[in-house]
Amino acid sequence: MTDDSQTTDVATCPLCGRANECAIAAGRPPESCWCMTATMDPEALASIPPEAKGKVCICAQCAGGGGSAD
């Protein structure tokens, strides 16, 4: 069962493995999350593994298509 927990680690981006900085996973209100005002790259969203869809957030860098972070 431990191998499945790696895939569903809510604090880790399923695409790159870095921290996703998800406010909800950290116990903060959803409206305080960076993703509420971000533009998501459709290709990045399509790349989320099936077992992580709807369970794990991607990070801001992956959401922006892998471009440089501010």
N, C-alpha and C. Protein backbone atom coordinates (compact mmCIF):
# COMPACT_ATOMS: atom_id res chain seq x y z
N MET A 1 0.80 -1.20 0.00
CA MET A 1 0.00 0.00 0.00
C MET A 1 0.85 1.27 0.00
N THR A 2 2.08 1.20 0.37
CA THR A 2 2.91 2.40 0.44
C THR A 2 3.22 2.98 -0.93
N ASP A 3 3.29 2.15 -1.97
CA ASP A 3 3.58 2.67 -3.30
C ASP A 3 2.44 3.56 -3.81
N ASP A 4 1.18 3.28 -3.46
CA ASP A 4 0.05 4.10 -3.86
C ASP A 4 0.07 5.44 -3.14
N SER A 5 0.58 5.50 -1.91
CA SER A 5 0.60 6.75 -1.16
C SER A 5 1.54 7.76 -1.80
N GLN A 6 2.57 7.30 -2.49
CA GLN A 6 3.47 8.21 -3.18
C GLN A 6 2.73 8.91 -4.31
N THR A 7 1.85 8.22 -4.98
CA THR A 7 1.11 8.77 -6.10
C THR A 7 0.06 9.76 -5.63
N THR A 8 -0.45 9.58 -4.43
CA THR A 8 -1.50 10.43 -3.92
C THR A 8 -1.02 11.36 -2.82
N ASP A 9 0.26 11.67 -2.76
CA ASP A 9 0.78 12.64 -1.81
C ASP A 9 0.25 14.00 -2.21
N VAL A 10 -0.69 14.54 -1.44
CA VAL A 10 -1.37 15.77 -1.81
C VAL A 10 -0.50 17.02 -1.79
N ALA A 11 0.70 16.93 -1.23
CA ALA A 11 1.60 18.08 -1.17
C ALA A 11 2.64 18.07 -2.29
N THR A 12 2.61 17.05 -3.14
CA THR A 12 3.63 16.89 -4.16
C THR A 12 3.01 16.88 -5.56
N CYS A 13 3.58 17.62 -6.47
CA CYS A 13 3.12 17.66 -7.85
C CYS A 13 3.33 16.29 -8.50
N PRO A 14 2.29 15.71 -9.10
CA PRO A 14 2.43 14.39 -9.72
C PRO A 14 3.23 14.43 -11.03
N LEU A 15 3.51 15.62 -11.55
CA LEU A 15 4.26 15.72 -12.80
C LEU A 15 5.75 15.85 -12.58
N CYS A 16 6.16 16.65 -11.57
CA CYS A 16 7.60 16.88 -11.38
C CYS A 16 8.11 16.41 -10.02
N GLY A 17 7.22 16.14 -9.06
CA GLY A 17 7.62 15.66 -7.75
C GLY A 17 7.98 16.74 -6.75
N ARG A 18 7.87 17.99 -7.16
CA ARG A 18 8.17 19.10 -6.23
C ARG A 18 6.92 19.48 -5.45
N ALA A 19 7.10 20.29 -4.41
CA ALA A 19 5.97 20.76 -3.61
C ALA A 19 5.00 21.54 -4.49
N ASN A 20 3.71 21.27 -4.34
CA ASN A 20 2.72 21.96 -5.17
C ASN A 20 2.16 23.21 -4.51
N GLU A 21 2.50 23.45 -3.25
CA GLU A 21 2.07 24.64 -2.51
C GLU A 21 0.54 24.77 -2.48
N CYS A 22 -0.14 23.65 -2.39
CA CYS A 22 -1.60 23.64 -2.37
C CYS A 22 -2.12 24.11 -1.01
N ALA A 23 -2.93 25.17 -1.03
CA ALA A 23 -3.49 25.70 0.21
C ALA A 23 -4.45 24.71 0.86
N ILE A 24 -5.24 24.04 0.05
CA ILE A 24 -6.21 23.09 0.58
C ILE A 24 -5.50 21.93 1.28
N ALA A 25 -4.44 21.41 0.66
CA ALA A 25 -3.68 20.32 1.27
C ALA A 25 -3.03 20.76 2.58
N ALA A 26 -2.74 22.06 2.68
CA ALA A 26 -2.12 22.60 3.89
C ALA A 26 -3.15 23.00 4.94
N GLY A 27 -4.44 22.80 4.63
CA GLY A 27 -5.49 23.10 5.59
C GLY A 27 -5.96 24.55 5.56
N ARG A 28 -5.58 25.28 4.52
CA ARG A 28 -6.02 26.67 4.39
C ARG A 28 -7.25 26.74 3.47
N PRO A 29 -7.96 27.87 3.49
CA PRO A 29 -9.15 27.99 2.64
C PRO A 29 -8.81 27.89 1.15
N PRO A 30 -9.68 27.26 0.37
CA PRO A 30 -9.43 27.10 -1.07
C PRO A 30 -9.17 28.42 -1.78
N GLU A 31 -9.88 29.46 -1.41
CA GLU A 31 -9.71 30.75 -2.09
C GLU A 31 -8.34 31.38 -1.85
N SER A 32 -7.57 30.86 -0.92
CA SER A 32 -6.23 31.39 -0.66
C SER A 32 -5.16 30.68 -1.49
N CYS A 33 -5.55 29.70 -2.30
CA CYS A 33 -4.59 28.94 -3.09
C CYS A 33 -4.17 29.70 -4.34
N TRP A 34 -2.90 29.55 -4.70
CA TRP A 34 -2.35 30.21 -5.89
C TRP A 34 -3.11 29.83 -7.15
N CYS A 35 -3.66 28.62 -7.18
CA CYS A 35 -4.30 28.13 -8.40
C CYS A 35 -5.62 28.82 -8.71
N MET A 36 -6.20 29.49 -7.73
CA MET A 36 -7.49 30.13 -7.95
C MET A 36 -7.40 31.30 -8.94
N THR A 37 -6.21 31.84 -9.12
CA THR A 37 -6.04 32.96 -10.05
C THR A 37 -5.06 32.62 -11.17
N ALA A 38 -4.62 31.38 -11.23
CA ALA A 38 -3.62 30.97 -12.23
C ALA A 38 -4.28 30.49 -13.51
N THR A 39 -3.56 30.61 -14.60
CA THR A 39 -3.96 30.04 -15.88
C THR A 39 -3.25 28.69 -16.00
N MET A 40 -4.02 27.65 -16.23
CA MET A 40 -3.46 26.30 -16.32
C MET A 40 -3.20 25.91 -17.77
N ASP A 41 -2.04 25.32 -18.01
CA ASP A 41 -1.71 24.81 -19.32
C ASP A 41 -2.51 23.53 -19.56
N PRO A 42 -3.36 23.49 -20.58
CA PRO A 42 -4.17 22.30 -20.84
C PRO A 42 -3.34 21.04 -21.03
N GLU A 43 -2.16 21.16 -21.62
CA GLU A 43 -1.31 19.98 -21.81
C GLU A 43 -0.81 19.43 -20.48
N ALA A 44 -0.52 20.34 -19.54
CA ALA A 44 -0.07 19.90 -18.21
C ALA A 44 -1.21 19.17 -17.50
N LEU A 45 -2.40 19.72 -17.57
CA LEU A 45 -3.55 19.06 -16.94
C LEU A 45 -3.81 17.69 -17.56
N ALA A 46 -3.65 17.58 -18.85
CA ALA A 46 -3.86 16.31 -19.54
C ALA A 46 -2.77 15.29 -19.18
N SER A 47 -1.63 15.77 -18.70
CA SER A 47 -0.51 14.89 -18.36
C SER A 47 -0.59 14.30 -16.97
N ILE A 48 -1.55 14.74 -16.18
CA ILE A 48 -1.69 14.21 -14.81
C ILE A 48 -2.03 12.73 -14.89
N PRO A 49 -1.29 11.89 -14.18
CA PRO A 49 -1.57 10.44 -14.21
C PRO A 49 -3.00 10.15 -13.75
N PRO A 50 -3.65 9.18 -14.36
CA PRO A 50 -5.05 8.87 -14.02
C PRO A 50 -5.28 8.67 -12.52
N GLU A 51 -4.34 8.02 -11.84
CA GLU A 51 -4.53 7.75 -10.42
C GLU A 51 -4.43 9.01 -9.55
N ALA A 52 -3.93 10.10 -10.10
CA ALA A 52 -3.79 11.35 -9.35
C ALA A 52 -4.87 12.37 -9.70
N LYS A 53 -5.57 12.18 -10.81
CA LYS A 53 -6.60 13.15 -11.25
C LYS A 53 -7.67 13.30 -10.18
N GLY A 54 -7.95 14.55 -9.86
CA GLY A 54 -8.98 14.85 -8.87
C GLY A 54 -8.53 14.64 -7.44
N LYS A 55 -7.27 14.26 -7.24
CA LYS A 55 -6.76 13.97 -5.90
C LYS A 55 -5.53 14.78 -5.55
N VAL A 56 -4.71 15.12 -6.55
CA VAL A 56 -3.42 15.77 -6.32
C VAL A 56 -3.28 16.98 -7.24
N CYS A 57 -2.82 18.08 -6.69
CA CYS A 57 -2.62 19.30 -7.49
C CYS A 57 -1.22 19.33 -8.10
N ILE A 58 -1.13 19.95 -9.28
CA ILE A 58 0.18 20.18 -9.88
C ILE A 58 0.76 21.47 -9.30
N CYS A 59 2.04 21.69 -9.50
CA CYS A 59 2.68 22.90 -8.98
C CYS A 59 2.52 24.05 -9.97
N ALA A 60 2.82 25.26 -9.53
CA ALA A 60 2.67 26.45 -10.37
C ALA A 60 3.55 26.38 -11.61
N GLN A 61 4.75 25.84 -11.49
CA GLN A 61 5.64 25.76 -12.64
C GLN A 61 5.06 24.82 -13.71
N CYS A 62 4.58 23.68 -13.30
CA CYS A 62 3.98 22.75 -14.26
C CYS A 62 2.66 23.31 -14.80
N ALA A 63 1.90 23.99 -13.99
CA ALA A 63 0.63 24.57 -14.43
C ALA A 63 0.85 25.59 -15.53
N GLY A 64 2.00 26.26 -15.48
CA GLY A 64 2.31 27.26 -16.48
C GLY A 64 3.00 26.70 -17.69
N GLY A 65 3.05 25.41 -17.81
CA GLY A 65 3.69 24.78 -18.96
C GLY A 65 5.17 24.56 -18.79
N GLY A 66 5.66 24.61 -17.55
CA GLY A 66 7.07 24.34 -17.30
C GLY A 66 7.97 25.53 -17.52
N GLY A 67 7.38 26.71 -17.70
CA GLY A 67 8.18 27.92 -17.88
C GLY A 67 8.86 28.33 -16.60
N SER A 68 9.63 29.39 -16.66
CA SER A 68 10.35 29.85 -15.47
C SER A 68 9.39 30.42 -14.45
N ALA A 69 9.68 30.20 -13.19
CA ALA A 69 8.85 30.71 -12.11
C ALA A 69 9.21 32.16 -11.81
N ASP A 70 8.21 32.92 -11.33
CA ASP A 70 8.45 34.32 -10.96
C ASP A 70 9.25 34.42 -9.70
